[in-house]
Amino acid sequence: MKVSVCMIARNEALRIAAAVNSVTGLADEIIIVDTGSTDDTVAIAHEMGIRVIEHGNRRHKAQERNHSIDAAHGDWVVILDCDETVADPEGFRQFLETTDARAVYVKTTFMEGDKSTLSFAQMRAWRRGTYFYKYRAHEVPLPPDNNWDGQVWTDFVWEHRPPSVLETGWKREHMMMLLLMDIDENPDDPRCMYYLGRELMYAQAYQWALGWFGRYMDATASGHWDRADAYGCMASCLEALGNEDKALECLQSAMREQPERRDWWGRQAVIYHKSSKHELAASMLKVMFGLFPDKMYINEYWYGPYAYDLLARCLYYAGKKAEGLPYLQKAIEMAPTVQLFRDNLKWFEESA
């Protein structure tokens, strides 16, 4: 069995070596399509023995990902970005050698130092020839024969450490340009509507974002893969515009679409807590803590100490200090160096 790791790059001289070194034991070959680097990315790649295809089109990410895939010779294609590292390359290769699957999902995990903050499932490996990318921005692998059989979800981790804002300030404008081109080329495609709405939300153009999310909702039915996230984004826009009642309605809709995801429960609890509906907020959080981790998307905030501290504070203000204290103690146990939690403990002790 042969494994091809396929990448695209532009000005990744600070990160490319770590990414490449992370697939030692997994890759038989590495192919990088460079989309116009002006730093030492290409030179470093050549020094590391990587096959580099230059002059890629930075205005079409799917096209260049497919370019790298077309150049691969492996039985398996594995996709890696330059700001990522594979946590267990040898284990992943062993998995590929023994699985009957056609395509494999892994956990793309955002990291702050050695701590994960966000994880979501992404398809990052498939048998060569079974999947190719579509869309200029937020590209996604799709089967050309519409055969979705043979997908498996795994706990293998791609650690993502994004560059600083100072390094990537240009990316927001570039992303908006690509999304507008996607909309122009795919005017009836709801995926393009969703991502344009999300980018407008990031740009704080909240009313415009709500308009595109509305178009996305009109174009899809319940169960479409991005509807829960679209409702969540609409809630963020409405909160920013000061309309928390409508934001709650959107979060409730997101919860109906995806009841197993903790974000919707926790975000509603925050709004209720701010509105002094502390007991209702506490009830939402208690239900949230009873949910099993979602295999597709995990925001670590809602599994960590700050969420337990929030529940403790809700119960404190609801007049249930004795019930809230164990949750605060749990937060301190999980993060003993956080001064906020110790300050909150003083409240409980003084009021007792």
Protein backbone atom coordinates (compact mmCIF):
# COMPACT_ATOMS: atom_id res chain seq x y z
CA MET A 1 0.00 0.00 0.00
CA LYS A 2 1.20 3.50 -0.87
CA VAL A 3 0.02 6.74 0.78
CA SER A 4 0.16 10.15 -0.90
CA VAL A 5 -0.05 13.26 1.29
CA CYS A 6 -1.43 16.15 -0.77
CA MET A 7 -1.07 19.81 0.23
CA ILE A 8 -1.47 23.33 -1.11
CA ALA A 9 0.67 26.20 0.15
CA ARG A 10 1.32 29.91 -0.08
CA ASN A 11 3.89 31.69 2.09
CA GLU A 12 4.12 28.89 4.65
CA ALA A 13 7.88 28.98 5.30
CA LEU A 14 7.33 29.20 9.07
CA ARG A 15 5.09 26.12 9.23
CA ILE A 16 5.76 23.78 6.34
CA ALA A 17 8.60 21.83 8.01
CA ALA A 18 6.48 20.95 11.05
CA ALA A 19 3.61 19.80 8.84
CA VAL A 20 5.86 17.66 6.64
CA ASN A 21 7.75 16.14 9.58
CA SER A 22 4.44 15.16 11.18
CA VAL A 23 3.66 12.65 8.41
CA THR A 24 6.89 10.68 8.84
CA GLY A 25 5.78 7.07 9.05
CA LEU A 26 2.57 7.80 7.11
CA ALA A 27 3.54 9.24 3.72
CA ASP A 28 5.27 7.46 0.86
CA GLU A 29 5.17 10.69 -1.12
CA ILE A 30 4.23 14.31 -0.48
CA ILE A 31 2.91 16.60 -3.21
CA ILE A 32 2.55 20.35 -2.67
CA VAL A 33 0.90 22.74 -5.08
CA ASP A 34 2.30 26.21 -4.42
CA THR A 35 -0.07 29.05 -5.25
CA GLY A 36 2.39 31.92 -5.47
CA SER A 37 4.66 31.99 -2.44
CA THR A 38 6.95 35.00 -2.12
CA ASP A 39 8.90 33.59 0.85
CA ASP A 40 11.08 30.47 1.15
CA THR A 41 8.22 27.94 1.07
CA VAL A 42 9.22 26.36 -2.24
CA ALA A 43 12.94 26.23 -1.39
CA ILE A 44 12.25 24.58 1.97
CA ALA A 45 9.94 22.05 0.34
CA HIS A 46 12.59 21.14 -2.26
CA GLU A 47 15.21 20.76 0.49
CA MET A 48 12.90 18.32 2.30
CA GLY A 49 12.52 16.19 -0.82
CA ILE A 50 8.93 17.15 -1.51
CA ARG A 51 7.49 17.20 -5.02
CA VAL A 52 6.41 20.80 -5.68
CA ILE A 53 4.05 21.94 -8.42
CA GLU A 54 4.39 25.70 -8.86
CA HIS A 55 2.16 28.45 -10.28
CA GLY A 56 -1.08 27.19 -8.76
CA ASN A 57 -4.18 29.40 -8.92
CA ARG A 58 -4.75 30.97 -5.48
CA ARG A 59 -8.25 31.97 -6.56
CA HIS A 60 -9.49 28.37 -6.74
CA LYS A 61 -8.61 26.15 -3.77
CA ALA A 62 -10.61 23.14 -5.01
CA GLN A 63 -8.91 23.23 -8.40
CA GLU A 64 -5.44 23.23 -6.82
CA ARG A 65 -6.28 20.53 -4.28
CA ASN A 66 -7.48 18.41 -7.19
CA HIS A 67 -4.27 19.28 -9.03
CA SER A 68 -2.26 17.78 -6.15
CA ILE A 69 -4.55 14.72 -6.04
CA ASP A 70 -4.20 14.17 -9.80
CA ALA A 71 -0.42 14.14 -9.36
CA ALA A 72 -0.56 11.47 -6.62
CA HIS A 73 0.39 7.84 -7.17
CA GLY A 74 -0.75 6.36 -3.86
CA ASP A 75 -3.57 3.95 -3.14
CA TRP A 76 -4.72 6.45 -0.49
CA VAL A 77 -4.87 10.24 -0.68
CA VAL A 78 -4.36 12.09 2.62
CA ILE A 79 -5.07 15.83 2.85
CA LEU A 80 -3.00 18.08 5.12
CA ASP A 81 -2.74 21.86 5.48
CA CYS A 82 0.53 23.62 6.23
CA ASP A 83 -0.68 24.86 9.63
CA GLU A 84 -1.57 21.32 10.73
CA THR A 85 0.28 18.32 12.11
CA VAL A 86 -0.82 14.69 12.25
CA ALA A 87 -0.80 13.52 15.87
CA ASP A 88 -0.28 9.78 15.22
CA PRO A 89 1.03 9.24 11.68
CA GLU A 90 2.14 5.63 12.14
CA GLY A 91 -1.12 4.69 13.81
CA PHE A 92 -3.09 6.29 10.98
CA ARG A 93 -1.10 4.41 8.36
CA GLN A 94 -1.75 1.15 10.19
CA PHE A 95 -5.45 1.99 10.19
CA LEU A 96 -5.43 2.63 6.43
CA GLU A 97 -3.67 -0.70 5.86
CA THR A 98 -6.42 -2.64 7.63
CA THR A 99 -9.66 -0.75 6.92
CA ASP A 100 -12.24 -1.64 4.27
CA ALA A 101 -13.45 1.96 4.15
CA ARG A 102 -13.40 4.15 1.06
CA ALA A 103 -13.10 7.44 2.97
CA VAL A 104 -11.99 8.38 6.48
CA TYR A 105 -13.03 11.24 8.76
CA VAL A 106 -10.57 12.52 11.36
CA LYS A 107 -10.80 15.18 14.07
CA THR A 108 -9.50 18.57 12.99
CA THR A 109 -8.59 20.08 16.35
CA PHE A 110 -7.78 23.75 16.94
CA MET A 111 -4.98 24.09 19.46
CA GLU A 112 -3.84 26.80 21.85
CA GLY A 113 -0.46 25.52 22.96
CA ASP A 114 -1.11 21.93 24.02
CA LYS A 115 -4.82 22.43 24.75
CA SER A 116 -7.62 21.82 22.28
CA THR A 117 -10.33 24.45 21.97
CA LEU A 118 -12.47 23.13 19.12
CA SER A 119 -12.73 19.82 17.27
CA PHE A 120 -14.81 18.85 14.27
CA ALA A 121 -14.92 15.90 11.92
CA GLN A 122 -13.50 16.31 8.43
CA MET A 123 -12.90 13.83 5.65
CA ARG A 124 -9.14 13.85 5.15
CA ALA A 125 -8.33 10.51 3.52
CA TRP A 126 -9.86 8.43 0.77
CA ARG A 127 -8.95 5.85 -1.82
CA ARG A 128 -7.51 7.67 -4.80
CA GLY A 129 -10.11 8.42 -7.44
CA THR A 130 -13.15 8.28 -5.14
CA TYR A 131 -13.38 11.96 -4.07
CA PHE A 132 -12.50 15.33 -5.59
CA TYR A 133 -12.94 18.88 -4.32
CA LYS A 134 -15.51 21.51 -5.29
CA TYR A 135 -15.73 25.29 -4.58
CA ARG A 136 -13.18 28.06 -4.62
CA ALA A 137 -13.53 28.70 -0.88
CA HIS A 138 -14.41 26.27 1.92
CA GLU A 139 -13.78 23.50 -0.56
CA VAL A 140 -15.32 20.12 0.16
CA PRO A 141 -14.54 16.61 -1.17
CA LEU A 142 -17.41 15.05 -3.13
CA PRO A 143 -17.69 11.66 -4.88
CA PRO A 144 -17.94 12.10 -8.67
CA ASP A 145 -20.11 8.98 -8.90
CA ASN A 146 -22.36 10.14 -6.00
CA ASN A 147 -21.37 7.02 -4.06
CA TRP A 148 -21.24 7.98 -0.37
CA ASP A 149 -20.81 4.42 0.89
CA GLY A 150 -17.86 3.28 2.94
CA GLN A 151 -17.27 6.35 5.13
CA VAL A 152 -15.86 5.84 8.63
CA TRP A 153 -15.33 8.23 11.54
CA THR A 154 -12.15 7.91 13.61
CA ASP A 155 -10.50 9.58 16.61
CA PHE A 156 -7.26 10.34 14.77
CA VAL A 157 -6.33 14.00 15.22
CA TRP A 158 -5.04 16.65 12.83
CA GLU A 159 -3.77 19.43 15.15
CA HIS A 160 -4.49 22.85 13.67
CA ARG A 161 -2.44 25.85 14.85
CA PRO A 162 -3.58 28.82 12.80
CA PRO A 163 -1.19 31.70 12.10
CA SER A 164 -1.57 34.95 14.01
CA VAL A 165 -3.97 37.65 12.85
CA LEU A 166 -0.97 39.80 11.91
CA GLU A 167 0.18 37.10 9.49
CA THR A 168 -3.21 36.50 7.90
CA GLY A 169 -5.05 39.83 7.92
CA TRP A 170 -5.20 39.67 4.12
CA LYS A 171 -7.09 36.36 4.22
CA ARG A 172 -10.47 37.87 5.16
CA GLU A 173 -10.57 40.02 2.05
CA HIS A 174 -9.29 37.17 -0.10
CA MET A 175 -11.90 34.78 1.34
CA MET A 176 -14.71 37.24 0.62
CA MET A 177 -13.57 37.53 -2.98
CA LEU A 178 -13.56 33.73 -3.42
CA LEU A 179 -16.99 33.38 -1.83
CA LEU A 180 -18.48 36.03 -4.13
CA MET A 181 -16.98 34.16 -7.09
CA ASP A 182 -18.51 30.91 -5.78
CA ILE A 183 -21.92 32.61 -5.51
CA ASP A 184 -21.59 33.94 -9.04
CA GLU A 185 -20.74 30.46 -10.36
CA ASN A 186 -23.25 28.57 -8.17
CA PRO A 187 -26.10 31.05 -7.56
CA ASP A 188 -28.59 28.42 -6.34
CA ASP A 189 -26.17 26.43 -4.18
CA PRO A 190 -27.15 26.77 -0.49
CA ARG A 191 -23.63 25.91 0.70
CA CYS A 192 -22.29 29.06 -0.95
CA MET A 193 -25.08 31.11 0.64
CA TYR A 194 -24.25 29.76 4.09
CA TYR A 195 -20.52 30.49 3.86
CA LEU A 196 -21.03 33.97 2.44
CA GLY A 197 -23.39 34.71 5.33
CA ARG A 198 -20.81 33.45 7.81
CA GLU A 199 -18.04 35.57 6.30
CA LEU A 200 -20.27 38.65 6.46
CA MET A 201 -20.94 37.84 10.11
CA TYR A 202 -17.18 37.75 10.77
CA ALA A 203 -16.94 41.15 9.04
CA GLN A 204 -19.67 42.43 11.42
CA ALA A 205 -22.01 43.12 8.50
CA TYR A 206 -24.80 41.54 10.53
CA GLN A 207 -27.84 42.62 8.52
CA TRP A 208 -26.30 41.45 5.25
CA ALA A 209 -25.31 38.21 6.91
CA LEU A 210 -28.87 37.64 8.12
CA GLY A 211 -30.11 38.19 4.58
CA TRP A 212 -27.85 35.45 3.20
CA PHE A 213 -28.70 33.08 6.03
CA GLY A 214 -32.36 33.70 5.24
CA ARG A 215 -31.74 32.74 1.62
CA TYR A 216 -29.94 29.62 2.79
CA MET A 217 -32.91 28.65 4.98
CA ASP A 218 -35.32 29.18 2.09
CA ALA A 219 -33.18 26.92 -0.11
CA THR A 220 -32.91 24.01 2.34
CA ALA A 221 -35.10 21.74 4.43
CA SER A 222 -34.69 20.50 7.99
CA GLY A 223 -31.77 18.10 8.27
CA HIS A 224 -29.52 19.88 5.75
CA TRP A 225 -25.96 19.66 7.05
CA ASP A 226 -25.41 23.37 7.82
CA ARG A 227 -28.83 24.39 9.12
CA ALA A 228 -27.96 24.11 12.81
CA ASP A 229 -24.81 26.18 12.32
CA ALA A 230 -26.72 28.71 10.23
CA TYR A 231 -29.23 29.18 13.05
CA GLY A 232 -26.32 29.56 15.46
CA CYS A 233 -24.73 32.23 13.26
CA MET A 234 -28.06 34.05 12.96
CA ALA A 235 -28.26 34.03 16.75
CA SER A 236 -24.79 35.62 16.94
CA CYS A 237 -25.84 38.36 14.50
CA LEU A 238 -29.03 39.05 16.40
CA GLU A 239 -27.20 39.21 19.73
CA ALA A 240 -24.75 41.71 18.24
CA LEU A 241 -27.74 43.78 17.05
CA GLY A 242 -29.26 43.66 20.56
CA ASN A 243 -32.19 41.36 19.75
CA GLU A 244 -31.73 38.58 22.30
CA ASP A 245 -35.32 37.34 22.06
CA LYS A 246 -34.88 36.54 18.35
CA ALA A 247 -31.44 35.11 19.11
CA LEU A 248 -33.04 32.69 21.56
CA GLU A 249 -35.53 31.61 18.90
CA CYS A 250 -32.66 30.85 16.52
CA LEU A 251 -30.78 28.88 19.17
CA GLN A 252 -33.92 26.87 19.88
CA SER A 253 -34.19 26.12 16.17
CA ALA A 254 -30.53 25.06 16.13
CA MET A 255 -31.23 22.79 19.10
CA ARG A 256 -34.12 21.13 17.25
CA GLU A 257 -31.86 20.53 14.25
CA GLN A 258 -28.97 19.21 16.36
CA PRO A 259 -30.08 18.45 19.94
CA GLU A 260 -26.89 16.57 20.84
CA ARG A 261 -24.63 19.62 20.42
CA ARG A 262 -23.90 21.41 23.66
CA ASP A 263 -23.36 24.85 22.14
CA TRP A 264 -27.07 25.55 21.64
CA TRP A 265 -27.96 24.67 25.22
CA GLY A 266 -25.04 26.60 26.70
CA ARG A 267 -25.56 29.72 24.61
CA GLN A 268 -29.21 29.87 25.61
CA ALA A 269 -28.16 29.51 29.24
CA VAL A 270 -25.83 32.50 28.89
CA ILE A 271 -28.66 34.69 27.58
CA TYR A 272 -31.03 33.55 30.32
CA HIS A 273 -28.34 34.20 32.93
CA LYS A 274 -27.78 37.73 31.60
CA SER A 275 -31.56 38.27 31.78
CA SER A 276 -31.56 37.19 35.46
CA LYS A 277 -33.44 33.97 34.64
CA HIS A 278 -30.85 32.06 36.61
CA GLU A 279 -32.88 28.98 37.42
CA LEU A 280 -33.86 28.49 33.80
CA ALA A 281 -30.23 28.96 32.78
CA ALA A 282 -29.15 26.35 35.34
CA SER A 283 -31.72 23.90 34.00
CA MET A 284 -30.38 24.31 30.47
CA LEU A 285 -26.82 23.70 31.66
CA LYS A 286 -27.77 20.60 33.62
CA VAL A 287 -29.33 19.09 30.51
CA MET A 288 -26.27 20.13 28.51
CA PHE A 289 -23.90 18.28 30.85
CA GLY A 290 -25.94 15.12 30.35
CA LEU A 291 -25.32 15.09 26.59
CA PHE A 292 -22.72 12.77 25.12
CA PRO A 293 -19.93 14.36 23.04
CA ASP A 294 -20.98 15.02 19.47
CA LYS A 295 -18.80 13.11 17.00
CA MET A 296 -19.03 15.89 14.40
CA TYR A 297 -18.31 19.04 16.41
CA ILE A 298 -16.98 19.70 19.93
CA ASN A 299 -16.48 23.19 21.38
CA GLU A 300 -14.29 22.40 24.38
CA TYR A 301 -15.63 25.41 26.29
CA TRP A 302 -18.88 23.59 27.00
CA TYR A 303 -17.01 20.54 28.32
CA GLY A 304 -14.52 22.45 30.45
CA PRO A 305 -14.22 24.32 33.75
CA TYR A 306 -15.77 27.61 32.65
CA ALA A 307 -19.06 25.88 31.90
CA TYR A 308 -19.10 24.32 35.38
CA ASP A 309 -18.32 27.73 36.87
CA LEU A 310 -21.21 29.22 34.90
CA LEU A 311 -23.62 26.62 36.29
CA ALA A 312 -22.35 27.32 39.82
CA ARG A 313 -22.97 31.05 39.38
CA CYS A 314 -26.47 30.48 37.97
CA LEU A 315 -27.37 28.38 41.01
CA TYR A 316 -25.78 30.95 43.33
CA TYR A 317 -27.96 33.74 41.96
CA ALA A 318 -30.99 31.44 41.99
CA GLY A 319 -30.52 31.09 45.76
CA LYS A 320 -29.24 27.51 45.53
CA LYS A 321 -25.71 28.00 46.79
CA ALA A 322 -25.37 24.54 48.34
CA GLU A 323 -26.34 22.95 45.03
CA GLY A 324 -23.97 25.18 43.08
CA LEU A 325 -20.86 24.68 45.23
CA PRO A 326 -19.94 21.18 43.90
CA TYR A 327 -19.97 22.54 40.33
CA LEU A 328 -17.58 25.34 41.30
CA GLN A 329 -15.35 22.83 43.07
CA LYS A 330 -15.37 20.77 39.87
CA ALA A 331 -14.23 23.84 37.91
CA ILE A 332 -11.38 24.42 40.39
CA GLU A 333 -10.40 20.75 40.19
CA MET A 334 -10.22 20.98 36.40
CA ALA A 335 -8.32 24.31 36.35
CA PRO A 336 -6.70 24.93 39.74
CA THR A 337 -4.69 27.96 38.59
CA VAL A 338 -7.63 30.08 37.38
CA GLN A 339 -8.02 32.93 39.86
CA LEU A 340 -11.59 33.67 38.76
CA PHE A 341 -12.80 30.36 40.16
CA ARG A 342 -11.07 30.95 43.50
CA ASP A 343 -12.61 34.43 43.72
CA ASN A 344 -16.02 32.90 43.09
CA LEU A 345 -15.37 30.36 45.83
CA LYS A 346 -14.96 33.26 48.27
CA TRP A 347 -18.51 34.38 47.37
CA PHE A 348 -19.88 31.00 48.24
CA GLU A 349 -17.91 30.79 51.50
CA GLU A 350 -18.78 34.31 52.63
CA SER A 351 -22.49 33.95 51.84
CA ALA A 352 -22.60 30.58 53.61
